[in-house]
Amino acid sequence: MSHKKEAFALQAQSIIKNLEKRNMEGYYFETSEECVNAIMDSIPEGSVISWGGSETLKECGLMDAIHNSSYDLIDRTTAKTPEESRQIFSRTVLADYYLMSTNAITLDGELINIDGNGNRVACLIQGPSHVILVVGMNKIVTDVPSGVARVRNMASPANAIRLNRKLPCATTGHCHDCLSPDCFCNQIVVTRRSGHTGRIKVYLVAEELGY
């Protein structure tokens, strides 16, 4: 084990203990492959699954895995009209499993997310029976303020460029605290505790995943 991964393992051990205090479960894996295999083993065939927009889910291989398995998938990208999007979201709320990442996680086990429409954070907060988060160790921060700063100045500019949004951060690479019509930093949600035992599970991976 490299010194970097040894440090990751120690950090993960601490985070997992703190997640437990917050009524959430945590797991740690050295590779995406190990993580994806564990997640797939935990989801029964035939389960209804949906997910939030996430580069992490693509990069780790989880999206490919679920599309090649026997699940009932609810894919919001298939919507062609706002009304179809609304109907798909109403089904998503009742999904068995919701897959996502988090924009940042503190050493103390708090989840920090900034969202545009709010569908992703809404399902994290309430709705689907189980929420599974895949989180690269690059998203660890010391506290909530540093987590918000990380999202605004690292994740959001990269997303703005990827989505070709006309935003100041897409031009400069850092947050301007804008109120642009294209802004997707509309909801800032800190999950400090889960009110439902066994619902939220955080899968930490010793890799750089997502933004």
N, C-alpha and C. Protein backbone atom coordinates (compact mmCIF):
# COMPACT_ATOMS: atom_id res chain seq x y z
N MET A 1 0.85 -1.20 0.00
CA MET A 1 0.00 0.00 0.00
C MET A 1 0.89 1.25 0.00
N SER A 2 0.59 2.21 -0.89
CA SER A 2 1.36 3.44 -0.94
C SER A 2 1.07 4.28 0.30
N HIS A 3 1.98 5.21 0.57
CA HIS A 3 1.79 6.09 1.73
C HIS A 3 0.50 6.91 1.59
N LYS A 4 0.19 7.31 0.35
CA LYS A 4 -1.01 8.09 0.11
C LYS A 4 -2.26 7.26 0.42
N LYS A 5 -2.27 6.03 -0.04
CA LYS A 5 -3.43 5.18 0.22
C LYS A 5 -3.52 4.78 1.68
N GLU A 6 -2.37 4.69 2.34
CA GLU A 6 -2.38 4.40 3.77
C GLU A 6 -3.03 5.56 4.52
N ALA A 7 -2.71 6.78 4.09
CA ALA A 7 -3.33 7.96 4.71
C ALA A 7 -4.83 7.98 4.42
N PHE A 8 -5.21 7.64 3.17
CA PHE A 8 -6.62 7.57 2.81
C PHE A 8 -7.36 6.58 3.71
N ALA A 9 -6.75 5.42 3.93
CA ALA A 9 -7.39 4.39 4.75
C ALA A 9 -7.62 4.87 6.17
N LEU A 10 -6.68 5.61 6.71
CA LEU A 10 -6.82 6.15 8.06
C LEU A 10 -7.91 7.21 8.11
N GLN A 11 -7.93 8.09 7.09
CA GLN A 11 -8.98 9.10 7.02
C GLN A 11 -10.35 8.45 6.90
N ALA A 12 -10.44 7.44 6.03
CA ALA A 12 -11.71 6.76 5.81
C ALA A 12 -12.21 6.10 7.09
N GLN A 13 -11.30 5.49 7.83
CA GLN A 13 -11.67 4.84 9.10
C GLN A 13 -12.32 5.85 10.04
N SER A 14 -11.73 7.04 10.11
CA SER A 14 -12.28 8.09 10.97
C SER A 14 -13.63 8.58 10.46
N ILE A 15 -13.73 8.79 9.14
CA ILE A 15 -14.99 9.27 8.56
C ILE A 15 -16.10 8.25 8.78
N ILE A 16 -15.80 6.97 8.59
CA ILE A 16 -16.81 5.92 8.76
C ILE A 16 -17.35 5.91 10.19
N LYS A 17 -16.48 6.10 11.16
CA LYS A 17 -16.92 6.16 12.56
C LYS A 17 -17.83 7.36 12.78
N ASN A 18 -17.49 8.49 12.16
CA ASN A 18 -18.30 9.69 12.32
C ASN A 18 -19.63 9.58 11.58
N LEU A 19 -19.62 8.90 10.43
CA LEU A 19 -20.89 8.65 9.74
C LEU A 19 -21.82 7.82 10.61
N GLU A 20 -21.27 6.84 11.29
CA GLU A 20 -22.07 5.98 12.16
C GLU A 20 -22.75 6.81 13.25
N LYS A 21 -22.01 7.78 13.80
CA LYS A 21 -22.60 8.66 14.82
C LYS A 21 -23.77 9.46 14.25
N ARG A 22 -23.71 9.67 12.94
CA ARG A 22 -24.73 10.47 12.27
C ARG A 22 -25.81 9.59 11.62
N ASN A 23 -25.86 8.33 12.03
CA ASN A 23 -26.88 7.39 11.57
C ASN A 23 -26.76 7.07 10.09
N MET A 24 -25.53 7.11 9.57
CA MET A 24 -25.26 6.72 8.19
C MET A 24 -24.19 5.64 8.20
N GLU A 25 -24.14 4.83 7.14
CA GLU A 25 -23.14 3.77 7.03
C GLU A 25 -22.03 4.18 6.08
N GLY A 26 -20.82 3.75 6.38
CA GLY A 26 -19.69 4.05 5.52
C GLY A 26 -18.87 2.81 5.22
N TYR A 27 -18.31 2.76 4.01
CA TYR A 27 -17.46 1.65 3.58
C TYR A 27 -16.28 2.23 2.82
N TYR A 28 -15.18 1.49 2.80
CA TYR A 28 -13.98 2.00 2.13
C TYR A 28 -13.40 0.95 1.20
N PHE A 29 -12.99 1.38 0.01
CA PHE A 29 -12.42 0.50 -0.99
C PHE A 29 -11.21 1.16 -1.64
N GLU A 30 -10.22 0.35 -1.96
CA GLU A 30 -9.02 0.89 -2.61
C GLU A 30 -9.25 1.17 -4.08
N THR A 31 -10.17 0.44 -4.71
CA THR A 31 -10.41 0.62 -6.14
C THR A 31 -11.90 0.75 -6.45
N SER A 32 -12.18 1.39 -7.59
CA SER A 32 -13.56 1.52 -8.05
C SER A 32 -14.17 0.16 -8.33
N GLU A 33 -13.38 -0.73 -8.88
CA GLU A 33 -13.89 -2.07 -9.22
C GLU A 33 -14.41 -2.79 -7.98
N GLU A 34 -13.64 -2.73 -6.89
CA GLU A 34 -14.07 -3.36 -5.64
C GLU A 34 -15.35 -2.71 -5.12
N CYS A 35 -15.41 -1.40 -5.22
CA CYS A 35 -16.58 -0.65 -4.75
C CYS A 35 -17.82 -1.02 -5.55
N VAL A 36 -17.71 -1.00 -6.87
CA VAL A 36 -18.85 -1.32 -7.73
C VAL A 36 -19.34 -2.74 -7.49
N ASN A 37 -18.42 -3.68 -7.34
CA ASN A 37 -18.80 -5.07 -7.08
C ASN A 37 -19.59 -5.18 -5.77
N ALA A 38 -19.15 -4.46 -4.74
CA ALA A 38 -19.83 -4.50 -3.44
C ALA A 38 -21.23 -3.90 -3.55
N ILE A 39 -21.36 -2.81 -4.28
CA ILE A 39 -22.67 -2.17 -4.45
C ILE A 39 -23.62 -3.09 -5.21
N MET A 40 -23.13 -3.67 -6.29
CA MET A 40 -23.97 -4.56 -7.11
C MET A 40 -24.43 -5.78 -6.31
N ASP A 41 -23.55 -6.28 -5.46
CA ASP A 41 -23.91 -7.43 -4.61
C ASP A 41 -24.98 -7.07 -3.59
N SER A 42 -25.07 -5.79 -3.26
CA SER A 42 -26.01 -5.37 -2.21
C SER A 42 -27.40 -5.03 -2.74
N ILE A 43 -27.55 -4.89 -4.06
CA ILE A 43 -28.84 -4.50 -4.65
C ILE A 43 -29.51 -5.71 -5.28
N PRO A 44 -30.65 -6.14 -4.77
CA PRO A 44 -31.35 -7.31 -5.31
C PRO A 44 -31.79 -7.10 -6.76
N GLU A 45 -31.79 -8.18 -7.54
CA GLU A 45 -32.30 -8.12 -8.91
C GLU A 45 -33.75 -7.66 -8.90
N GLY A 46 -34.11 -6.89 -9.93
CA GLY A 46 -35.48 -6.40 -10.04
C GLY A 46 -35.74 -5.12 -9.28
N SER A 47 -34.75 -4.62 -8.53
CA SER A 47 -34.94 -3.38 -7.78
C SER A 47 -35.15 -2.19 -8.73
N VAL A 48 -35.94 -1.24 -8.26
CA VAL A 48 -36.15 0.00 -9.02
C VAL A 48 -35.03 0.97 -8.64
N ILE A 49 -34.26 1.41 -9.64
CA ILE A 49 -33.08 2.24 -9.39
C ILE A 49 -33.16 3.53 -10.20
N SER A 50 -32.80 4.63 -9.58
CA SER A 50 -32.61 5.88 -10.29
C SER A 50 -31.33 6.54 -9.78
N TRP A 51 -30.99 7.69 -10.33
CA TRP A 51 -29.71 8.31 -9.97
C TRP A 51 -29.74 9.80 -10.27
N GLY A 52 -28.83 10.51 -9.62
CA GLY A 52 -28.65 11.93 -9.87
C GLY A 52 -27.48 12.15 -10.80
N GLY A 53 -27.42 13.32 -11.42
CA GLY A 53 -26.32 13.63 -12.32
C GLY A 53 -24.99 13.53 -11.57
N SER A 54 -24.06 12.73 -12.11
CA SER A 54 -22.80 12.50 -11.39
C SER A 54 -21.73 11.96 -12.34
N GLU A 55 -20.62 12.68 -12.43
CA GLU A 55 -19.48 12.18 -13.19
C GLU A 55 -18.83 11.01 -12.46
N THR A 56 -18.90 11.03 -11.14
CA THR A 56 -18.32 9.95 -10.33
C THR A 56 -18.94 8.61 -10.67
N LEU A 57 -20.27 8.55 -10.79
CA LEU A 57 -20.94 7.29 -11.09
C LEU A 57 -20.51 6.74 -12.44
N LYS A 58 -20.25 7.63 -13.39
CA LYS A 58 -19.76 7.19 -14.70
C LYS A 58 -18.33 6.69 -14.61
N GLU A 59 -17.47 7.49 -13.97
CA GLU A 59 -16.04 7.19 -13.92
C GLU A 59 -15.73 5.90 -13.17
N CYS A 60 -16.49 5.61 -12.12
CA CYS A 60 -16.20 4.41 -11.32
C CYS A 60 -16.72 3.13 -11.98
N GLY A 61 -17.59 3.27 -12.98
CA GLY A 61 -18.12 2.10 -13.67
C GLY A 61 -19.48 1.63 -13.20
N LEU A 62 -20.06 2.33 -12.23
CA LEU A 62 -21.34 1.88 -11.68
C LEU A 62 -22.48 2.02 -12.69
N MET A 63 -22.46 3.09 -13.49
CA MET A 63 -23.53 3.28 -14.47
C MET A 63 -23.53 2.16 -15.50
N ASP A 64 -22.36 1.78 -15.97
CA ASP A 64 -22.29 0.66 -16.92
C ASP A 64 -22.81 -0.62 -16.29
N ALA A 65 -22.45 -0.83 -15.03
CA ALA A 65 -22.84 -2.06 -14.34
C ALA A 65 -24.36 -2.18 -14.20
N ILE A 66 -25.03 -1.10 -13.80
CA ILE A 66 -26.48 -1.20 -13.61
C ILE A 66 -27.22 -1.32 -14.94
N HIS A 67 -26.67 -0.72 -16.00
CA HIS A 67 -27.32 -0.83 -17.30
C HIS A 67 -27.17 -2.23 -17.89
N ASN A 68 -26.20 -2.97 -17.40
CA ASN A 68 -25.98 -4.33 -17.90
C ASN A 68 -26.52 -5.40 -16.95
N SER A 69 -27.42 -5.00 -16.06
CA SER A 69 -27.97 -5.92 -15.07
C SER A 69 -29.49 -5.91 -15.11
N SER A 70 -30.09 -6.77 -14.29
CA SER A 70 -31.55 -6.94 -14.30
C SER A 70 -32.24 -6.03 -13.28
N TYR A 71 -32.26 -4.74 -13.59
CA TYR A 71 -32.92 -3.78 -12.72
C TYR A 71 -33.96 -2.99 -13.52
N ASP A 72 -34.90 -2.41 -12.80
CA ASP A 72 -35.87 -1.50 -13.39
C ASP A 72 -35.32 -0.09 -13.22
N LEU A 73 -34.82 0.48 -14.32
CA LEU A 73 -34.12 1.76 -14.25
C LEU A 73 -35.05 2.93 -14.59
N ILE A 74 -34.97 3.97 -13.78
CA ILE A 74 -35.69 5.22 -14.04
C ILE A 74 -34.66 6.25 -14.47
N ASP A 75 -34.67 6.60 -15.75
CA ASP A 75 -33.64 7.47 -16.32
C ASP A 75 -34.24 8.82 -16.68
N ARG A 76 -33.91 9.84 -15.92
CA ARG A 76 -34.50 11.16 -16.15
C ARG A 76 -34.08 11.79 -17.47
N THR A 77 -32.97 11.32 -18.04
CA THR A 77 -32.49 11.89 -19.31
C THR A 77 -33.36 11.49 -20.49
N THR A 78 -34.29 10.56 -20.29
CA THR A 78 -35.17 10.14 -21.38
C THR A 78 -36.35 11.10 -21.55
N ALA A 79 -36.54 12.01 -20.61
CA ALA A 79 -37.68 12.94 -20.68
C ALA A 79 -37.50 13.91 -21.85
N LYS A 80 -38.59 14.12 -22.58
CA LYS A 80 -38.55 15.02 -23.74
C LYS A 80 -39.27 16.34 -23.48
N THR A 81 -40.05 16.39 -22.41
CA THR A 81 -40.80 17.61 -22.08
C THR A 81 -40.70 17.84 -20.57
N PRO A 82 -40.97 19.07 -20.13
CA PRO A 82 -40.99 19.33 -18.69
C PRO A 82 -41.97 18.45 -17.94
N GLU A 83 -43.12 18.15 -18.56
CA GLU A 83 -44.11 17.30 -17.90
C GLU A 83 -43.58 15.88 -17.75
N GLU A 84 -42.87 15.38 -18.75
CA GLU A 84 -42.27 14.05 -18.65
C GLU A 84 -41.22 14.02 -17.54
N SER A 85 -40.45 15.09 -17.44
CA SER A 85 -39.46 15.19 -16.36
C SER A 85 -40.14 15.12 -15.00
N ARG A 86 -41.25 15.81 -14.89
CA ARG A 86 -42.00 15.83 -13.63
C ARG A 86 -42.52 14.44 -13.29
N GLN A 87 -43.03 13.73 -14.28
CA GLN A 87 -43.55 12.38 -14.06
C GLN A 87 -42.43 11.42 -13.67
N ILE A 88 -41.28 11.55 -14.32
CA ILE A 88 -40.15 10.68 -14.00
C ILE A 88 -39.66 10.95 -12.58
N PHE A 89 -39.63 12.22 -12.19
CA PHE A 89 -39.20 12.54 -10.83
C PHE A 89 -40.16 11.96 -9.80
N SER A 90 -41.46 11.97 -10.13
CA SER A 90 -42.44 11.42 -9.17
C SER A 90 -42.21 9.92 -8.97
N ARG A 91 -41.75 9.22 -10.01
CA ARG A 91 -41.41 7.81 -9.88
C ARG A 91 -40.10 7.63 -9.12
N THR A 92 -39.16 8.54 -9.37
CA THR A 92 -37.85 8.46 -8.71
C THR A 92 -37.97 8.53 -7.20
N VAL A 93 -38.88 9.36 -6.73
CA VAL A 93 -39.07 9.53 -5.29
C VAL A 93 -39.44 8.21 -4.62
N LEU A 94 -40.07 7.30 -5.37
CA LEU A 94 -40.49 6.01 -4.81
C LEU A 94 -39.54 4.87 -5.20
N ALA A 95 -38.36 5.20 -5.72
CA ALA A 95 -37.40 4.17 -6.13
C ALA A 95 -36.90 3.38 -4.91
N ASP A 96 -36.48 2.14 -5.17
CA ASP A 96 -35.87 1.34 -4.11
C ASP A 96 -34.48 1.86 -3.77
N TYR A 97 -33.73 2.25 -4.82
CA TYR A 97 -32.35 2.72 -4.64
C TYR A 97 -32.12 3.98 -5.45
N TYR A 98 -31.46 4.94 -4.82
CA TYR A 98 -31.05 6.17 -5.51
C TYR A 98 -29.53 6.27 -5.44
N LEU A 99 -28.90 6.44 -6.60
CA LEU A 99 -27.44 6.49 -6.67
C LEU A 99 -26.97 7.92 -6.92
N MET A 100 -25.91 8.32 -6.26
CA MET A 100 -25.39 9.67 -6.42
C MET A 100 -23.97 9.73 -5.84
N SER A 101 -23.37 10.89 -5.95
CA SER A 101 -22.13 11.14 -5.22
C SER A 101 -22.45 12.29 -4.26
N THR A 102 -21.43 12.90 -3.72
CA THR A 102 -21.61 14.11 -2.93
C THR A 102 -20.54 15.08 -3.39
N ASN A 103 -20.86 16.37 -3.34
CA ASN A 103 -19.87 17.35 -3.79
C ASN A 103 -18.69 17.46 -2.84
N ALA A 104 -18.94 17.17 -1.57
CA ALA A 104 -17.86 17.17 -0.58
C ALA A 104 -18.33 16.41 0.65
N ILE A 105 -17.37 15.89 1.41
CA ILE A 105 -17.67 15.22 2.68
C ILE A 105 -16.62 15.65 3.70
N THR A 106 -17.08 16.02 4.88
CA THR A 106 -16.13 16.48 5.89
C THR A 106 -15.53 15.29 6.64
N LEU A 107 -14.41 15.54 7.27
CA LEU A 107 -13.78 14.51 8.09
C LEU A 107 -14.70 14.08 9.23
N ASP A 108 -15.63 14.96 9.58
CA ASP A 108 -16.58 14.67 10.66
C ASP A 108 -17.83 13.96 10.15
N GLY A 109 -17.89 13.66 8.82
CA GLY A 109 -18.99 12.87 8.30
C GLY A 109 -20.20 13.63 7.78
N GLU A 110 -20.05 14.94 7.56
CA GLU A 110 -21.15 15.72 7.01
C GLU A 110 -21.06 15.74 5.48
N LEU A 111 -22.21 15.65 4.82
CA LEU A 111 -22.27 15.68 3.36
C LEU A 111 -22.67 17.07 2.89
N ILE A 112 -21.92 17.61 1.92
CA ILE A 112 -22.21 18.95 1.39
C ILE A 112 -22.53 18.84 -0.09
N ASN A 113 -23.70 19.36 -0.48
CA ASN A 113 -24.11 19.32 -1.88
C ASN A 113 -24.70 20.64 -2.33
N ILE A 114 -24.32 21.05 -3.53
CA ILE A 114 -24.90 22.24 -4.16
C ILE A 114 -25.58 21.78 -5.44
N ASP A 115 -26.84 22.19 -5.64
CA ASP A 115 -27.64 21.66 -6.73
C ASP A 115 -28.35 22.77 -7.48
N GLY A 116 -28.72 22.46 -8.72
CA GLY A 116 -29.42 23.43 -9.54
C GLY A 116 -30.91 23.33 -9.38
N ASN A 117 -31.51 22.28 -9.95
CA ASN A 117 -32.96 22.09 -9.85
C ASN A 117 -33.39 21.54 -8.50
N GLY A 118 -32.48 20.86 -7.82
CA GLY A 118 -32.79 20.34 -6.49
C GLY A 118 -33.27 18.91 -6.46
N ASN A 119 -33.41 18.27 -7.64
CA ASN A 119 -33.92 16.89 -7.66
C ASN A 119 -32.97 15.93 -6.95
N ARG A 120 -31.66 16.15 -7.10
CA ARG A 120 -30.68 15.26 -6.49
C ARG A 120 -30.70 15.38 -4.97
N VAL A 121 -30.65 16.60 -4.46
CA VAL A 121 -30.63 16.77 -3.01
C VAL A 121 -31.99 16.41 -2.40
N ALA A 122 -33.06 16.59 -3.18
CA ALA A 122 -34.39 16.22 -2.68
C ALA A 122 -34.45 14.73 -2.39
N CYS A 123 -33.89 13.93 -3.30
CA CYS A 123 -33.92 12.47 -3.11
C CYS A 123 -32.94 12.01 -2.04
N LEU A 124 -31.89 12.76 -1.83
CA LEU A 124 -30.98 12.47 -0.71
C LEU A 124 -31.71 12.69 0.61
N ILE A 125 -32.48 13.75 0.68
CA ILE A 125 -33.16 14.11 1.92
C ILE A 125 -34.32 13.17 2.23
N GLN A 126 -35.13 12.85 1.22
CA GLN A 126 -36.36 12.09 1.47
C GLN A 126 -36.83 11.42 0.19
N GLY A 127 -37.47 10.25 0.31
CA GLY A 127 -38.07 9.60 -0.84
C GLY A 127 -37.61 8.17 -1.04
N PRO A 128 -36.58 7.95 -1.89
CA PRO A 128 -36.11 6.59 -2.16
C PRO A 128 -35.78 5.83 -0.88
N SER A 129 -36.02 4.52 -0.90
CA SER A 129 -35.80 3.71 0.30
C SER A 129 -34.34 3.65 0.72
N HIS A 130 -33.46 3.60 -0.27
CA HIS A 130 -32.03 3.52 -0.01
C HIS A 130 -31.29 4.54 -0.87
N VAL A 131 -30.31 5.20 -0.29
CA VAL A 131 -29.46 6.13 -1.03
C VAL A 131 -28.01 5.66 -0.93
N ILE A 132 -27.39 5.44 -2.08
CA ILE A 132 -25.99 4.99 -2.14
C ILE A 132 -25.15 6.10 -2.76
N LEU A 133 -24.12 6.52 -2.04
CA LEU A 133 -23.22 7.56 -2.53
C LEU A 133 -21.83 6.96 -2.77
N VAL A 134 -21.28 7.18 -3.95
CA VAL A 134 -19.91 6.81 -4.26
C VAL A 134 -19.07 8.08 -4.19
N VAL A 135 -18.02 8.05 -3.38
CA VAL A 135 -17.27 9.28 -3.11
C VAL A 135 -15.77 9.03 -3.21
N GLY A 136 -15.12 9.71 -4.14
CA GLY A 136 -13.66 9.66 -4.23
C GLY A 136 -13.04 10.40 -3.07
N MET A 137 -11.88 9.96 -2.63
CA MET A 137 -11.23 10.59 -1.48
C MET A 137 -10.75 12.01 -1.78
N ASN A 138 -10.80 12.41 -3.06
CA ASN A 138 -10.47 13.78 -3.43
C ASN A 138 -11.52 14.78 -2.93
N LYS A 139 -12.67 14.28 -2.48
CA LYS A 139 -13.75 15.16 -2.04
C LYS A 139 -13.78 15.40 -0.53
N ILE A 140 -12.77 14.91 0.16
CA ILE A 140 -12.71 15.11 1.61
C ILE A 140 -12.28 16.54 1.93
N VAL A 141 -12.99 17.15 2.88
CA VAL A 141 -12.66 18.51 3.34
C VAL A 141 -12.67 18.52 4.86
N THR A 142 -12.11 19.58 5.42
CA THR A 142 -12.00 19.63 6.88
C THR A 142 -13.31 20.01 7.57
N ASP A 143 -14.08 20.90 6.93
CA ASP A 143 -15.33 21.35 7.57
C ASP A 143 -16.30 21.84 6.50
N VAL A 144 -17.48 22.24 6.94
CA VAL A 144 -18.53 22.65 6.01
C VAL A 144 -18.14 23.88 5.18
N PRO A 145 -17.61 24.96 5.78
CA PRO A 145 -17.21 26.12 4.96
C PRO A 145 -16.20 25.76 3.87
N SER A 146 -15.22 24.91 4.20
CA SER A 146 -14.24 24.53 3.19
C SER A 146 -14.88 23.63 2.14
N GLY A 147 -15.92 22.87 2.54
CA GLY A 147 -16.64 22.05 1.58
C GLY A 147 -17.41 22.90 0.59
N VAL A 148 -18.11 23.92 1.08
CA VAL A 148 -18.84 24.83 0.19
C VAL A 148 -17.88 25.54 -0.75
N ALA A 149 -16.74 25.97 -0.22
CA ALA A 149 -15.73 26.63 -1.05
C ALA A 149 -15.19 25.69 -2.12
N ARG A 150 -15.00 24.42 -1.74
CA ARG A 150 -14.51 23.42 -2.70
C ARG A 150 -15.50 23.27 -3.86
N VAL A 151 -16.77 23.15 -3.54
CA VAL A 151 -17.78 22.97 -4.58
C VAL A 151 -17.83 24.18 -5.49
N ARG A 152 -17.86 25.35 -4.90
CA ARG A 152 -18.01 26.56 -5.70
C ARG A 152 -16.80 26.84 -6.59
N ASN A 153 -15.61 26.51 -6.10
CA ASN A 153 -14.40 26.90 -6.83
C ASN A 153 -13.71 25.76 -7.57
N MET A 154 -14.18 24.52 -7.39
CA MET A 154 -13.60 23.40 -8.10
C MET A 154 -14.65 22.64 -8.90
N ALA A 155 -15.70 22.18 -8.24
CA ALA A 155 -16.71 21.37 -8.93
C ALA A 155 -17.58 22.21 -9.87
N SER A 156 -18.08 23.32 -9.38
CA SER A 156 -19.02 24.11 -10.19
C SER A 156 -18.39 24.68 -11.46
N PRO A 157 -17.19 25.26 -11.42
CA PRO A 157 -16.59 25.74 -12.67
C PRO A 157 -16.38 24.62 -13.69
N ALA A 158 -15.94 23.45 -13.23
CA ALA A 158 -15.73 22.33 -14.14
C ALA A 158 -17.06 21.89 -14.76
N ASN A 159 -18.11 21.86 -13.95
CA ASN A 159 -19.42 21.50 -14.47
C ASN A 159 -19.95 22.54 -15.44
N ALA A 160 -19.72 23.81 -15.14
CA ALA A 160 -20.17 24.89 -16.02
C ALA A 160 -19.51 24.78 -17.39
N ILE A 161 -18.23 24.45 -17.40
CA ILE A 161 -17.52 24.27 -18.67
C ILE A 161 -18.06 23.04 -19.40
N ARG A 162 -18.26 21.94 -18.66
CA ARG A 162 -18.76 20.71 -19.28
C ARG A 162 -20.13 20.90 -19.91
N LEU A 163 -20.98 21.67 -19.24
CA LEU A 163 -22.35 21.86 -19.71
C LEU A 163 -22.51 23.08 -20.61
N ASN A 164 -21.38 23.75 -20.88
CA ASN A 164 -21.38 24.94 -21.76
C ASN A 164 -22.33 26.02 -21.25
N ARG A 165 -22.31 26.24 -19.94
CA ARG A 165 -23.14 27.28 -19.34
C ARG A 165 -22.47 28.65 -19.45
N LYS A 166 -23.28 29.67 -19.69
CA LYS A 166 -22.75 31.03 -19.77
C LYS A 166 -22.68 31.62 -18.37
N LEU A 167 -21.63 31.23 -17.66
CA LEU A 167 -21.45 31.63 -16.27
C LEU A 167 -20.07 32.23 -16.07
N PRO A 168 -19.94 33.17 -15.13
CA PRO A 168 -18.62 33.75 -14.87
C PRO A 168 -17.57 32.71 -14.51
N CYS A 169 -17.97 31.68 -13.75
CA CYS A 169 -16.99 30.68 -13.32
C CYS A 169 -16.48 29.84 -14.49
N ALA A 170 -17.26 29.75 -15.57
CA ALA A 170 -16.81 29.02 -16.75
C ALA A 170 -15.74 29.80 -17.50
N THR A 171 -15.65 31.09 -17.21
CA THR A 171 -14.65 31.95 -17.86
C THR A 171 -13.39 32.09 -17.02
N THR A 172 -13.58 32.18 -15.70
CA THR A 172 -12.43 32.44 -14.82
C THR A 172 -11.95 31.22 -14.06
N GLY A 173 -12.82 30.18 -13.93
CA GLY A 173 -12.44 28.98 -13.19
C GLY A 173 -12.68 29.06 -11.70
N HIS A 174 -13.33 30.14 -11.24
CA HIS A 174 -13.66 30.23 -9.81
C HIS A 174 -14.99 30.95 -9.63
N CYS A 175 -15.59 30.77 -8.45
CA CYS A 175 -16.93 31.27 -8.18
C CYS A 175 -16.97 32.80 -8.07
N HIS A 176 -18.06 33.39 -8.61
CA HIS A 176 -18.30 34.83 -8.49
C HIS A 176 -19.57 35.10 -7.68
N ASP A 177 -20.10 34.05 -7.03
CA ASP A 177 -21.33 34.17 -6.26
C ASP A 177 -22.43 34.83 -7.10
N CYS A 178 -22.54 34.36 -8.36
CA CYS A 178 -23.44 35.02 -9.31
C CYS A 178 -24.90 34.62 -9.09
N LEU A 179 -25.78 35.40 -9.71
CA LEU A 179 -27.21 35.11 -9.73
C LEU A 179 -27.66 35.02 -11.19
N SER A 180 -26.81 34.49 -12.03
CA SER A 180 -27.08 34.37 -13.46
C SER A 180 -28.27 33.45 -13.72
N PRO A 181 -29.01 33.69 -14.81
CA PRO A 181 -30.11 32.77 -15.17
C PRO A 181 -29.62 31.34 -15.39
N ASP A 182 -28.37 31.16 -15.77
CA ASP A 182 -27.80 29.83 -16.00
C ASP A 182 -27.23 29.20 -14.73
N CYS A 183 -27.25 29.92 -13.62
CA CYS A 183 -26.62 29.45 -12.39
C CYS A 183 -27.23 28.13 -11.91
N PHE A 184 -26.36 27.18 -11.52
CA PHE A 184 -26.87 25.94 -10.94
C PHE A 184 -26.44 25.79 -9.48
N CYS A 185 -25.97 26.85 -8.87
CA CYS A 185 -25.67 26.83 -7.43
C CYS A 185 -26.86 27.42 -6.69
N ASN A 186 -27.99 26.76 -6.79
CA ASN A 186 -29.24 27.29 -6.24
C ASN A 186 -29.60 26.74 -4.87
N GLN A 187 -29.26 25.51 -4.63
CA GLN A 187 -29.57 24.87 -3.36
C GLN A 187 -28.27 24.42 -2.70
N ILE A 188 -28.04 24.84 -1.47
CA ILE A 188 -26.88 24.37 -0.70
C ILE A 188 -27.41 23.55 0.47
N VAL A 189 -27.09 22.26 0.46
CA VAL A 189 -27.64 21.34 1.45
C VAL A 189 -26.52 20.66 2.22
N VAL A 190 -26.60 20.72 3.54
CA VAL A 190 -25.66 20.01 4.40
C VAL A 190 -26.43 18.91 5.13
N THR A 191 -26.03 17.68 4.90
CA THR A 191 -26.65 16.54 5.58
C THR A 191 -25.78 16.20 6.79
N ARG A 192 -26.24 16.58 7.96
CA ARG A 192 -25.46 16.37 9.18
C ARG A 192 -25.85 15.07 9.89
N ARG A 193 -27.02 14.52 9.50
CA ARG A 193 -27.48 13.28 10.11
C ARG A 193 -28.61 12.71 9.28
N SER A 194 -28.73 11.39 9.24
CA SER A 194 -29.88 10.75 8.60
C SER A 194 -30.91 10.40 9.66
N GLY A 195 -32.16 10.68 9.35
CA GLY A 195 -33.23 10.36 10.29
C GLY A 195 -33.73 8.93 10.16
N HIS A 196 -33.16 8.19 9.18
CA HIS A 196 -33.64 6.83 8.91
C HIS A 196 -32.46 5.86 8.92
N THR A 197 -32.42 5.00 9.91
CA THR A 197 -31.32 4.05 10.06
C THR A 197 -31.19 3.15 8.83
N GLY A 198 -29.96 3.03 8.31
CA GLY A 198 -29.68 2.14 7.20
C GLY A 198 -30.04 2.68 5.83
N ARG A 199 -30.54 3.92 5.76
CA ARG A 199 -30.99 4.46 4.47
C ARG A 199 -29.82 4.99 3.65
N ILE A 200 -28.93 5.78 4.24
CA ILE A 200 -27.83 6.41 3.51
C ILE A 200 -26.54 5.63 3.73
N LYS A 201 -25.94 5.21 2.62
CA LYS A 201 -24.67 4.47 2.67
C LYS A 201 -23.65 5.19 1.82
N VAL A 202 -22.48 5.44 2.39
CA VAL A 202 -21.41 6.17 1.70
C VAL A 202 -20.26 5.21 1.39
N TYR A 203 -19.96 5.07 0.12
CA TYR A 203 -18.89 4.18 -0.34
C TYR A 203 -17.68 5.04 -0.73
N LEU A 204 -16.68 5.07 0.13
CA LEU A 204 -15.46 5.85 -0.11
C LEU A 204 -14.49 5.04 -0.96
N VAL A 205 -13.86 5.70 -1.93
CA VAL A 205 -12.93 5.03 -2.84
C VAL A 205 -11.61 5.80 -2.87
N ALA A 206 -10.50 5.08 -2.75
CA ALA A 206 -9.17 5.70 -2.72
C ALA A 206 -8.71 6.09 -4.12
N GLU A 207 -9.55 6.85 -4.81
CA GLU A 207 -9.25 7.33 -6.15
C GLU A 207 -9.78 8.74 -6.30
N GLU A 208 -9.31 9.44 -7.32
CA GLU A 208 -9.88 10.75 -7.64
C GLU A 208 -11.05 10.51 -8.59
N LEU A 209 -12.25 10.80 -8.13
CA LEU A 209 -13.46 10.57 -8.91
C LEU A 209 -14.30 11.83 -8.94
N GLY A 210 -14.78 12.18 -10.11
CA GLY A 210 -15.67 13.33 -10.23
C GLY A 210 -14.93 14.64 -10.03
N TYR A 211 -15.75 15.70 -9.82
CA TYR A 211 -15.19 17.04 -9.68
C TYR A 211 -15.08 17.44 -8.21
